[in-house]
Protein backbone atom coordinates (compact mmCIF):
# COMPACT_ATOMS: atom_id res chain seq x y z
CA MET A 1 -26.37 3.74 -17.40
CA PRO A 2 -24.75 3.35 -20.81
CA ASP A 3 -25.36 -0.39 -21.27
CA GLU A 4 -28.14 -2.60 -19.94
CA SER A 5 -25.79 -5.59 -19.63
CA ARG A 6 -23.77 -3.74 -16.96
CA PRO A 7 -24.81 -3.47 -13.33
CA ALA A 8 -26.02 -0.05 -12.18
CA ARG A 9 -22.88 0.35 -10.01
CA TRP A 10 -19.57 -1.49 -9.96
CA PRO A 11 -16.16 -0.81 -8.41
CA ALA A 12 -13.71 0.43 -11.03
CA GLY A 13 -10.70 1.20 -8.85
CA PHE A 14 -9.58 1.84 -5.31
CA ALA A 15 -6.83 3.37 -3.22
CA VAL A 16 -5.86 3.27 0.42
CA ALA A 17 -4.99 6.43 2.33
CA GLU A 18 -4.03 7.03 5.93
CA ALA A 19 -4.57 10.30 7.77
CA ASP A 20 -4.72 11.21 11.43
CA PRO A 21 -7.85 12.97 12.74
CA GLY A 22 -8.02 16.50 11.29
CA GLU A 23 -5.53 15.71 8.52
CA THR A 24 -6.29 15.28 4.84
CA ALA A 25 -4.80 12.86 2.36
CA GLU A 26 -4.67 12.99 -1.42
CA VAL A 27 -4.90 9.84 -3.51
CA SER A 28 -5.03 9.04 -7.20
CA VAL A 29 -7.14 6.22 -8.57
CA GLU A 30 -6.38 5.04 -12.08
CA ILE A 31 -9.47 3.63 -13.77
CA PRO A 32 -8.53 1.23 -16.55
CA ARG A 33 -10.30 1.34 -19.91
CA HIS A 34 -11.48 -2.20 -19.20
CA ALA A 35 -13.81 -0.78 -16.50
CA ALA A 36 -15.97 0.75 -19.27
CA GLU A 37 -15.89 -2.25 -21.62
CA VAL A 38 -18.22 -5.20 -22.10
CA TRP A 39 -17.57 -8.59 -23.65
CA GLY A 40 -19.49 -9.40 -26.80
CA THR A 41 -19.32 -11.69 -29.80
CA ASP A 42 -16.55 -9.53 -31.28
CA GLY A 43 -14.49 -9.34 -28.06
CA TRP A 44 -14.20 -6.39 -25.69
CA ARG A 45 -15.94 -3.18 -26.71
CA LEU A 46 -15.91 0.26 -25.08
CA VAL A 47 -19.37 1.38 -23.97
CA SER A 48 -19.65 5.08 -24.82
CA GLY A 49 -22.07 7.23 -22.88
CA ASP A 50 -22.52 9.19 -19.69
CA TYR A 51 -21.13 7.78 -16.45
CA VAL A 52 -21.20 9.04 -12.87
CA LEU A 53 -17.99 8.45 -10.92
CA ARG A 54 -18.69 8.07 -7.22
CA THR A 55 -15.94 8.34 -4.64
CA GLY A 56 -16.29 7.35 -1.03
CA HIS A 57 -15.26 5.22 1.87
CA SER A 58 -17.41 2.40 0.51
CA LEU A 59 -20.22 1.86 -2.01
CA ASP A 60 -22.63 2.78 0.79
CA ASP A 61 -20.67 5.88 1.91
CA ILE A 62 -20.32 8.09 -1.21
CA ARG A 63 -18.70 11.48 -0.55
CA LEU A 64 -17.99 12.89 -4.03
CA THR A 65 -19.54 12.43 -7.46
CA THR A 66 -18.50 13.66 -10.89
CA ASP A 67 -19.91 13.15 -14.38
CA LEU A 68 -17.85 11.59 -17.15
CA THR A 69 -18.73 11.18 -20.82
CA LEU A 70 -16.92 8.64 -23.00
């Protein structure tokens, strides 16, 4: 985790998709810069480092992960 003041996992975006059984759906989730920022004495600051983006039905049902470096 890039910054100790951040939780280990936090929701950064979401989308809703509907598909019938056997169908697939494609969604886009825009993650705002603010999701990788922390508040400090000088205002908001981007926390550079390695992140893992997890995608799933819920935080307990992860189906896809990808690495991201800022």
